[in-house]
Amino acid sequence: MKVAIVVGSKSDLEHAEKVRARLETLGVPSEVTVASAHRTPERVEAIASDPSVEVFVAMAGLSAALPGTIAARTLKPVIGVPLHRGLGLDSLLSVVQMPPGVPVAAVGLDASENAALLAAEILALGHPEVHDALVRYRARWKDDGGPVPAAPP
């Protein structure tokens, strides 16, 4: 079981770290990779075909083609995180306007935390230990009255 967290450039790594940290608190292994749909499509192809990955979280700013590029190359779930660049509208529309046959689950602008939780919920369908970790997370959130802090970097 592994979540691949893919960012379009090094400037997006802070967002990837938020996903990685939250997944870590839930006991979900992940790996962060920089790969651009435009500059390094061969790297994106290799990531999309990695058999150890069960869920992808892809994020990039501006045209945000990365989630769709991965989704077009795999049958596994892809979660797109539009990143705020300028107004953020370009990125948001790029992620939510996929052509037919290329499904990408989109979360809100810069919503790294929700992307991590959605990835864990998908994994929980086949991994009871992730389900149990999510139950504990939600109980703690309810008890503490707010989000549970993610693991430190």
N, C-alpha and C. Protein backbone atom coordinates (compact mmCIF):
# COMPACT_ATOMS: atom_id res chain seq x y z
N MET A 1 0.85 -1.18 0.00
CA MET A 1 0.00 0.00 0.00
C MET A 1 0.89 1.23 0.00
N LYS A 2 0.60 2.15 -0.91
CA LYS A 2 1.36 3.40 -0.96
C LYS A 2 0.54 4.46 -1.69
N VAL A 3 0.69 5.70 -1.25
CA VAL A 3 0.12 6.84 -1.94
C VAL A 3 1.27 7.57 -2.61
N ALA A 4 1.14 7.83 -3.90
CA ALA A 4 2.12 8.64 -4.61
C ALA A 4 1.64 10.08 -4.59
N ILE A 5 2.47 10.96 -4.05
CA ILE A 5 2.17 12.39 -4.02
C ILE A 5 3.07 13.02 -5.07
N VAL A 6 2.46 13.57 -6.10
CA VAL A 6 3.22 14.08 -7.23
C VAL A 6 2.97 15.58 -7.37
N VAL A 7 4.06 16.34 -7.42
CA VAL A 7 3.95 17.78 -7.59
C VAL A 7 4.62 18.18 -8.90
N GLY A 8 4.12 19.25 -9.49
CA GLY A 8 4.63 19.69 -10.79
C GLY A 8 5.97 20.39 -10.73
N SER A 9 6.30 20.97 -9.57
CA SER A 9 7.60 21.65 -9.44
C SER A 9 8.00 21.69 -7.97
N LYS A 10 9.26 22.00 -7.75
CA LYS A 10 9.78 22.07 -6.38
C LYS A 10 9.06 23.12 -5.55
N SER A 11 8.54 24.15 -6.20
CA SER A 11 7.83 25.20 -5.45
C SER A 11 6.53 24.69 -4.85
N ASP A 12 6.07 23.50 -5.26
CA ASP A 12 4.84 22.91 -4.73
C ASP A 12 5.10 21.93 -3.59
N LEU A 13 6.36 21.74 -3.22
CA LEU A 13 6.69 20.72 -2.21
C LEU A 13 6.08 21.00 -0.83
N GLU A 14 5.88 22.26 -0.47
CA GLU A 14 5.27 22.55 0.84
C GLU A 14 3.87 21.95 0.93
N HIS A 15 3.14 21.94 -0.18
CA HIS A 15 1.80 21.35 -0.20
C HIS A 15 1.88 19.83 -0.10
N ALA A 16 2.84 19.25 -0.80
CA ALA A 16 3.04 17.80 -0.75
C ALA A 16 3.39 17.36 0.66
N GLU A 17 4.16 18.15 1.36
CA GLU A 17 4.56 17.81 2.72
C GLU A 17 3.35 17.75 3.65
N LYS A 18 2.36 18.59 3.43
CA LYS A 18 1.15 18.55 4.24
C LYS A 18 0.40 17.24 4.03
N VAL A 19 0.34 16.78 2.79
CA VAL A 19 -0.32 15.51 2.48
C VAL A 19 0.47 14.38 3.14
N ARG A 20 1.78 14.38 2.95
CA ARG A 20 2.63 13.32 3.49
C ARG A 20 2.51 13.25 5.02
N ALA A 21 2.52 14.41 5.67
CA ALA A 21 2.46 14.44 7.13
C ALA A 21 1.13 13.89 7.64
N ARG A 22 0.03 14.26 7.01
CA ARG A 22 -1.26 13.75 7.44
C ARG A 22 -1.35 12.24 7.22
N LEU A 23 -0.88 11.76 6.06
CA LEU A 23 -0.90 10.33 5.81
C LEU A 23 -0.06 9.59 6.84
N GLU A 24 1.05 10.17 7.22
CA GLU A 24 1.91 9.55 8.23
C GLU A 24 1.17 9.39 9.55
N THR A 25 0.39 10.38 9.95
CA THR A 25 -0.35 10.27 11.21
C THR A 25 -1.39 9.16 11.15
N LEU A 26 -1.78 8.75 9.95
CA LEU A 26 -2.76 7.68 9.76
C LEU A 26 -2.09 6.35 9.44
N GLY A 27 -0.76 6.33 9.44
CA GLY A 27 -0.03 5.10 9.18
C GLY A 27 -0.01 4.68 7.72
N VAL A 28 -0.21 5.63 6.83
CA VAL A 28 -0.23 5.34 5.39
C VAL A 28 1.10 5.74 4.76
N PRO A 29 1.81 4.78 4.17
CA PRO A 29 3.07 5.11 3.50
C PRO A 29 2.82 5.97 2.25
N SER A 30 3.72 6.88 2.02
CA SER A 30 3.61 7.73 0.83
C SER A 30 5.00 8.08 0.33
N GLU A 31 5.02 8.55 -0.89
CA GLU A 31 6.27 8.99 -1.50
C GLU A 31 5.99 10.25 -2.30
N VAL A 32 6.84 11.26 -2.13
CA VAL A 32 6.70 12.52 -2.83
C VAL A 32 7.67 12.55 -4.01
N THR A 33 7.16 12.95 -5.17
CA THR A 33 7.98 13.04 -6.37
C THR A 33 7.65 14.33 -7.12
N VAL A 34 8.67 14.95 -7.68
CA VAL A 34 8.47 16.10 -8.57
C VAL A 34 8.49 15.57 -9.99
N ALA A 35 7.40 15.82 -10.71
CA ALA A 35 7.30 15.39 -12.11
C ALA A 35 6.32 16.31 -12.82
N SER A 36 6.71 16.84 -13.93
CA SER A 36 5.88 17.78 -14.66
C SER A 36 5.22 17.11 -15.86
N ALA A 37 3.92 17.34 -16.01
CA ALA A 37 3.21 16.82 -17.18
C ALA A 37 3.78 17.39 -18.47
N HIS A 38 4.36 18.57 -18.39
CA HIS A 38 4.89 19.24 -19.58
C HIS A 38 6.38 19.05 -19.78
N ARG A 39 7.15 19.10 -18.69
CA ARG A 39 8.61 19.05 -18.81
C ARG A 39 9.20 17.65 -18.69
N THR A 40 8.55 16.77 -17.92
CA THR A 40 9.08 15.41 -17.72
C THR A 40 7.96 14.36 -17.86
N PRO A 41 7.32 14.31 -19.02
CA PRO A 41 6.20 13.36 -19.18
C PRO A 41 6.61 11.90 -19.01
N GLU A 42 7.87 11.57 -19.30
CA GLU A 42 8.32 10.19 -19.13
C GLU A 42 8.36 9.81 -17.65
N ARG A 43 8.69 10.76 -16.80
CA ARG A 43 8.68 10.50 -15.36
C ARG A 43 7.24 10.31 -14.86
N VAL A 44 6.31 11.11 -15.38
CA VAL A 44 4.90 10.97 -15.02
C VAL A 44 4.39 9.60 -15.45
N GLU A 45 4.77 9.16 -16.62
CA GLU A 45 4.38 7.84 -17.13
C GLU A 45 4.88 6.74 -16.20
N ALA A 46 6.11 6.83 -15.76
CA ALA A 46 6.68 5.82 -14.85
C ALA A 46 5.95 5.81 -13.50
N ILE A 47 5.64 6.97 -12.99
CA ILE A 47 4.92 7.06 -11.71
C ILE A 47 3.53 6.45 -11.86
N ALA A 48 2.84 6.77 -12.93
CA ALA A 48 1.47 6.28 -13.15
C ALA A 48 1.42 4.77 -13.29
N SER A 49 2.51 4.15 -13.70
CA SER A 49 2.50 2.71 -13.90
C SER A 49 3.15 1.94 -12.75
N ASP A 50 3.47 2.63 -11.64
CA ASP A 50 4.09 1.98 -10.48
C ASP A 50 3.08 1.04 -9.81
N PRO A 51 3.34 -0.27 -9.80
CA PRO A 51 2.37 -1.21 -9.24
C PRO A 51 2.20 -1.11 -7.72
N SER A 52 3.14 -0.47 -7.01
CA SER A 52 3.03 -0.37 -5.56
C SER A 52 2.10 0.76 -5.11
N VAL A 53 1.71 1.62 -6.03
CA VAL A 53 0.84 2.75 -5.70
C VAL A 53 -0.62 2.34 -5.82
N GLU A 54 -1.40 2.69 -4.79
CA GLU A 54 -2.84 2.41 -4.84
C GLU A 54 -3.67 3.67 -5.08
N VAL A 55 -3.15 4.83 -4.67
CA VAL A 55 -3.85 6.10 -4.86
C VAL A 55 -2.81 7.16 -5.19
N PHE A 56 -3.18 8.07 -6.09
CA PHE A 56 -2.32 9.19 -6.47
C PHE A 56 -2.91 10.49 -5.97
N VAL A 57 -2.06 11.37 -5.46
CA VAL A 57 -2.45 12.75 -5.16
C VAL A 57 -1.52 13.60 -6.01
N ALA A 58 -2.11 14.37 -6.92
CA ALA A 58 -1.30 15.17 -7.84
C ALA A 58 -1.69 16.63 -7.71
N MET A 59 -0.67 17.49 -7.67
CA MET A 59 -0.93 18.91 -7.51
C MET A 59 0.05 19.75 -8.31
N ALA A 60 -0.50 20.77 -8.92
CA ALA A 60 0.32 21.71 -9.68
C ALA A 60 -0.47 23.00 -9.83
N GLY A 61 0.23 24.06 -10.09
CA GLY A 61 -0.43 25.34 -10.29
C GLY A 61 -0.65 25.62 -11.76
N LEU A 62 -1.22 26.75 -12.06
CA LEU A 62 -1.49 27.24 -13.41
C LEU A 62 -2.30 26.23 -14.22
N SER A 63 -1.75 25.62 -15.26
CA SER A 63 -2.58 24.76 -16.11
C SER A 63 -2.99 23.48 -15.41
N ALA A 64 -2.25 23.05 -14.40
CA ALA A 64 -2.60 21.89 -13.57
C ALA A 64 -2.96 20.65 -14.36
N ALA A 65 -2.21 20.36 -15.40
CA ALA A 65 -2.48 19.18 -16.23
C ALA A 65 -2.04 17.89 -15.57
N LEU A 66 -1.27 17.96 -14.51
CA LEU A 66 -0.68 16.78 -13.89
C LEU A 66 -1.70 15.73 -13.44
N PRO A 67 -2.75 16.09 -12.69
CA PRO A 67 -3.70 15.05 -12.28
C PRO A 67 -4.33 14.33 -13.46
N GLY A 68 -4.72 15.05 -14.49
CA GLY A 68 -5.33 14.44 -15.66
C GLY A 68 -4.36 13.58 -16.45
N THR A 69 -3.12 14.00 -16.50
CA THR A 69 -2.10 13.23 -17.20
C THR A 69 -1.89 11.88 -16.51
N ILE A 70 -1.88 11.89 -15.19
CA ILE A 70 -1.75 10.63 -14.45
C ILE A 70 -3.01 9.79 -14.63
N ALA A 71 -4.18 10.41 -14.48
CA ALA A 71 -5.45 9.68 -14.60
C ALA A 71 -5.62 9.02 -15.96
N ALA A 72 -5.09 9.63 -17.00
CA ALA A 72 -5.20 9.06 -18.33
C ALA A 72 -4.32 7.83 -18.51
N ARG A 73 -3.40 7.61 -17.56
CA ARG A 73 -2.43 6.52 -17.67
C ARG A 73 -2.59 5.43 -16.61
N THR A 74 -3.66 5.51 -15.81
CA THR A 74 -3.87 4.51 -14.76
C THR A 74 -5.36 4.29 -14.55
N LEU A 75 -5.68 3.16 -13.95
CA LEU A 75 -7.06 2.87 -13.55
C LEU A 75 -7.23 3.06 -12.04
N LYS A 76 -6.21 3.55 -11.38
CA LYS A 76 -6.25 3.76 -9.93
C LYS A 76 -6.76 5.17 -9.63
N PRO A 77 -7.30 5.39 -8.43
CA PRO A 77 -7.84 6.71 -8.10
C PRO A 77 -6.78 7.81 -8.12
N VAL A 78 -7.16 8.95 -8.69
CA VAL A 78 -6.30 10.13 -8.73
C VAL A 78 -7.06 11.29 -8.09
N ILE A 79 -6.41 11.92 -7.12
CA ILE A 79 -6.98 13.09 -6.45
C ILE A 79 -6.17 14.30 -6.91
N GLY A 80 -6.85 15.27 -7.47
CA GLY A 80 -6.20 16.49 -7.93
C GLY A 80 -6.36 17.60 -6.91
N VAL A 81 -5.25 18.27 -6.61
CA VAL A 81 -5.28 19.41 -5.69
C VAL A 81 -4.90 20.65 -6.49
N PRO A 82 -5.86 21.48 -6.85
CA PRO A 82 -5.50 22.73 -7.52
C PRO A 82 -4.77 23.65 -6.56
N LEU A 83 -3.69 24.23 -7.03
CA LEU A 83 -2.90 25.11 -6.17
C LEU A 83 -3.12 26.56 -6.54
N HIS A 84 -3.16 27.39 -5.53
CA HIS A 84 -3.44 28.81 -5.70
C HIS A 84 -2.25 29.51 -6.35
N ARG A 85 -2.41 29.91 -7.57
CA ARG A 85 -1.43 30.73 -8.28
C ARG A 85 -2.19 31.92 -8.85
N GLY A 86 -1.82 33.12 -8.50
CA GLY A 86 -2.61 34.26 -8.94
C GLY A 86 -3.98 34.17 -8.30
N LEU A 87 -5.01 34.09 -9.11
CA LEU A 87 -6.37 33.95 -8.58
C LEU A 87 -6.72 32.50 -8.24
N GLY A 88 -5.97 31.53 -8.78
CA GLY A 88 -6.25 30.13 -8.52
C GLY A 88 -7.28 29.53 -9.44
N LEU A 89 -7.95 30.37 -10.21
CA LEU A 89 -9.03 29.88 -11.07
C LEU A 89 -8.51 28.97 -12.18
N ASP A 90 -7.38 29.30 -12.80
CA ASP A 90 -6.82 28.45 -13.86
C ASP A 90 -6.58 27.04 -13.35
N SER A 91 -5.95 26.93 -12.21
CA SER A 91 -5.64 25.63 -11.63
C SER A 91 -6.91 24.87 -11.27
N LEU A 92 -7.84 25.53 -10.64
CA LEU A 92 -9.10 24.90 -10.24
C LEU A 92 -9.84 24.35 -11.46
N LEU A 93 -9.99 25.16 -12.48
CA LEU A 93 -10.72 24.72 -13.67
C LEU A 93 -9.99 23.60 -14.40
N SER A 94 -8.67 23.63 -14.42
CA SER A 94 -7.90 22.56 -15.07
C SER A 94 -8.15 21.22 -14.39
N VAL A 95 -8.25 21.22 -13.07
CA VAL A 95 -8.43 19.97 -12.34
C VAL A 95 -9.85 19.45 -12.44
N VAL A 96 -10.84 20.33 -12.40
CA VAL A 96 -12.23 19.85 -12.39
C VAL A 96 -12.81 19.63 -13.78
N GLN A 97 -12.17 20.11 -14.82
CA GLN A 97 -12.70 19.99 -16.19
C GLN A 97 -11.98 18.90 -16.97
N MET A 98 -12.01 17.67 -16.49
CA MET A 98 -11.38 16.56 -17.19
C MET A 98 -12.28 16.08 -18.31
N PRO A 99 -11.68 15.61 -19.40
CA PRO A 99 -12.49 15.08 -20.49
C PRO A 99 -13.15 13.75 -20.08
N PRO A 100 -14.21 13.35 -20.77
CA PRO A 100 -14.85 12.08 -20.46
C PRO A 100 -13.84 10.93 -20.49
N GLY A 101 -13.95 10.04 -19.53
CA GLY A 101 -13.05 8.89 -19.47
C GLY A 101 -11.77 9.13 -18.69
N VAL A 102 -11.58 10.35 -18.19
CA VAL A 102 -10.38 10.67 -17.42
C VAL A 102 -10.83 11.24 -16.07
N PRO A 103 -11.27 10.36 -15.15
CA PRO A 103 -11.79 10.86 -13.88
C PRO A 103 -10.68 11.30 -12.92
N VAL A 104 -10.89 12.45 -12.32
CA VAL A 104 -10.01 12.96 -11.27
C VAL A 104 -10.91 13.48 -10.17
N ALA A 105 -10.69 13.03 -8.95
CA ALA A 105 -11.41 13.57 -7.80
C ALA A 105 -10.72 14.87 -7.42
N ALA A 106 -11.45 15.95 -7.37
CA ALA A 106 -10.85 17.24 -7.06
C ALA A 106 -11.24 17.69 -5.67
N VAL A 107 -10.28 18.28 -4.98
CA VAL A 107 -10.55 18.92 -3.70
C VAL A 107 -10.37 20.42 -3.90
N GLY A 108 -10.66 21.21 -2.91
CA GLY A 108 -10.58 22.66 -3.04
C GLY A 108 -9.17 23.18 -3.23
N LEU A 109 -9.07 24.46 -3.54
CA LEU A 109 -7.78 25.11 -3.71
C LEU A 109 -6.91 24.93 -2.48
N ASP A 110 -5.69 24.47 -2.70
CA ASP A 110 -4.70 24.27 -1.64
C ASP A 110 -5.20 23.34 -0.53
N ALA A 111 -6.12 22.45 -0.83
CA ALA A 111 -6.75 21.58 0.18
C ALA A 111 -5.96 20.29 0.38
N SER A 112 -4.71 20.42 0.73
CA SER A 112 -3.83 19.27 0.91
C SER A 112 -4.35 18.32 1.98
N GLU A 113 -4.84 18.87 3.08
CA GLU A 113 -5.37 18.06 4.18
C GLU A 113 -6.52 17.18 3.69
N ASN A 114 -7.46 17.76 2.95
CA ASN A 114 -8.59 16.97 2.44
C ASN A 114 -8.13 15.92 1.44
N ALA A 115 -7.12 16.22 0.66
CA ALA A 115 -6.60 15.23 -0.30
C ALA A 115 -6.03 14.03 0.45
N ALA A 116 -5.31 14.28 1.53
CA ALA A 116 -4.74 13.19 2.31
C ALA A 116 -5.85 12.34 2.94
N LEU A 117 -6.86 13.00 3.50
CA LEU A 117 -7.96 12.27 4.12
C LEU A 117 -8.76 11.47 3.10
N LEU A 118 -8.98 12.04 1.91
CA LEU A 118 -9.69 11.31 0.86
C LEU A 118 -8.88 10.09 0.42
N ALA A 119 -7.58 10.26 0.27
CA ALA A 119 -6.72 9.12 -0.11
C ALA A 119 -6.82 8.02 0.95
N ALA A 120 -6.79 8.41 2.22
CA ALA A 120 -6.90 7.42 3.30
C ALA A 120 -8.27 6.75 3.30
N GLU A 121 -9.33 7.50 3.03
CA GLU A 121 -10.67 6.90 2.98
C GLU A 121 -10.78 5.89 1.84
N ILE A 122 -10.17 6.19 0.71
CA ILE A 122 -10.16 5.24 -0.40
C ILE A 122 -9.41 3.97 0.01
N LEU A 123 -8.25 4.14 0.63
CA LEU A 123 -7.47 2.98 1.07
C LEU A 123 -8.18 2.19 2.16
N ALA A 124 -8.96 2.87 2.99
CA ALA A 124 -9.67 2.20 4.08
C ALA A 124 -10.65 1.14 3.58
N LEU A 125 -11.08 1.25 2.34
CA LEU A 125 -12.00 0.26 1.77
C LEU A 125 -11.37 -1.13 1.72
N GLY A 126 -10.06 -1.20 1.56
CA GLY A 126 -9.39 -2.49 1.48
C GLY A 126 -8.35 -2.74 2.55
N HIS A 127 -8.16 -1.77 3.42
CA HIS A 127 -7.15 -1.89 4.46
C HIS A 127 -7.77 -1.54 5.81
N PRO A 128 -8.15 -2.55 6.59
CA PRO A 128 -8.82 -2.30 7.88
C PRO A 128 -8.00 -1.42 8.83
N GLU A 129 -6.68 -1.52 8.78
CA GLU A 129 -5.86 -0.71 9.67
C GLU A 129 -5.97 0.79 9.36
N VAL A 130 -6.19 1.12 8.09
CA VAL A 130 -6.39 2.53 7.72
C VAL A 130 -7.78 2.97 8.18
N HIS A 131 -8.75 2.11 8.02
CA HIS A 131 -10.10 2.40 8.51
C HIS A 131 -10.06 2.71 10.00
N ASP A 132 -9.38 1.86 10.75
CA ASP A 132 -9.29 2.04 12.20
C ASP A 132 -8.56 3.35 12.54
N ALA A 133 -7.53 3.68 11.80
CA ALA A 133 -6.80 4.93 12.04
C ALA A 133 -7.71 6.14 11.77
N LEU A 134 -8.54 6.06 10.75
CA LEU A 134 -9.47 7.15 10.46
C LEU A 134 -10.53 7.28 11.55
N VAL A 135 -10.99 6.16 12.06
CA VAL A 135 -11.97 6.20 13.16
C VAL A 135 -11.34 6.90 14.37
N ARG A 136 -10.10 6.54 14.70
CA ARG A 136 -9.41 7.19 15.83
C ARG A 136 -9.19 8.68 15.56
N TYR A 137 -8.82 9.01 14.33
CA TYR A 137 -8.61 10.42 13.95
C TYR A 137 -9.89 11.23 14.15
N ARG A 138 -10.99 10.70 13.63
CA ARG A 138 -12.26 11.42 13.76
C ARG A 138 -12.69 11.56 15.21
N ALA A 139 -12.49 10.51 16.00
CA ALA A 139 -12.86 10.57 17.42
C ALA A 139 -12.03 11.63 18.13
N ARG A 140 -10.74 11.67 17.82
CA ARG A 140 -9.87 12.66 18.45
C ARG A 140 -10.26 14.07 18.03
N TRP A 141 -10.60 14.23 16.75
CA TRP A 141 -11.03 15.53 16.24
C TRP A 141 -12.28 15.98 16.98
N LYS A 142 -13.22 15.08 17.13
CA LYS A 142 -14.47 15.39 17.83
C LYS A 142 -14.18 15.76 19.29
N ASP A 143 -13.31 15.00 19.94
CA ASP A 143 -12.98 15.26 21.35
C ASP A 143 -12.23 16.58 21.53
N ASP A 144 -11.32 16.88 20.57
CA ASP A 144 -10.50 18.08 20.69
C ASP A 144 -11.18 19.32 20.12
N GLY A 145 -12.29 19.13 19.41
CA GLY A 145 -13.02 20.26 18.84
C GLY A 145 -12.38 20.87 17.61
N GLY A 146 -11.54 20.14 16.92
CA GLY A 146 -10.92 20.67 15.71
C GLY A 146 -9.97 19.69 15.11
N PRO A 147 -9.31 20.07 14.02
CA PRO A 147 -8.40 19.15 13.33
C PRO A 147 -7.27 18.67 14.22
N VAL A 148 -6.87 17.45 13.99
CA VAL A 148 -5.74 16.85 14.70
C VAL A 148 -4.46 17.32 14.03
N PRO A 149 -3.49 17.81 14.79
CA PRO A 149 -2.25 18.26 14.16
C PRO A 149 -1.57 17.12 13.40
N ALA A 150 -1.01 17.45 12.25
CA ALA A 150 -0.28 16.46 11.45
C ALA A 150 1.10 16.25 12.06
N ALA A 151 1.73 15.18 11.64
CA ALA A 151 3.08 14.89 12.11
C ALA A 151 4.03 15.99 11.67
N PRO A 152 5.01 16.32 12.48
CA PRO A 152 5.99 17.34 12.07
C PRO A 152 6.82 16.82 10.89
N PRO A 153 7.32 17.73 10.04
CA PRO A 153 8.11 17.30 8.89
C PRO A 153 9.39 16.62 9.29
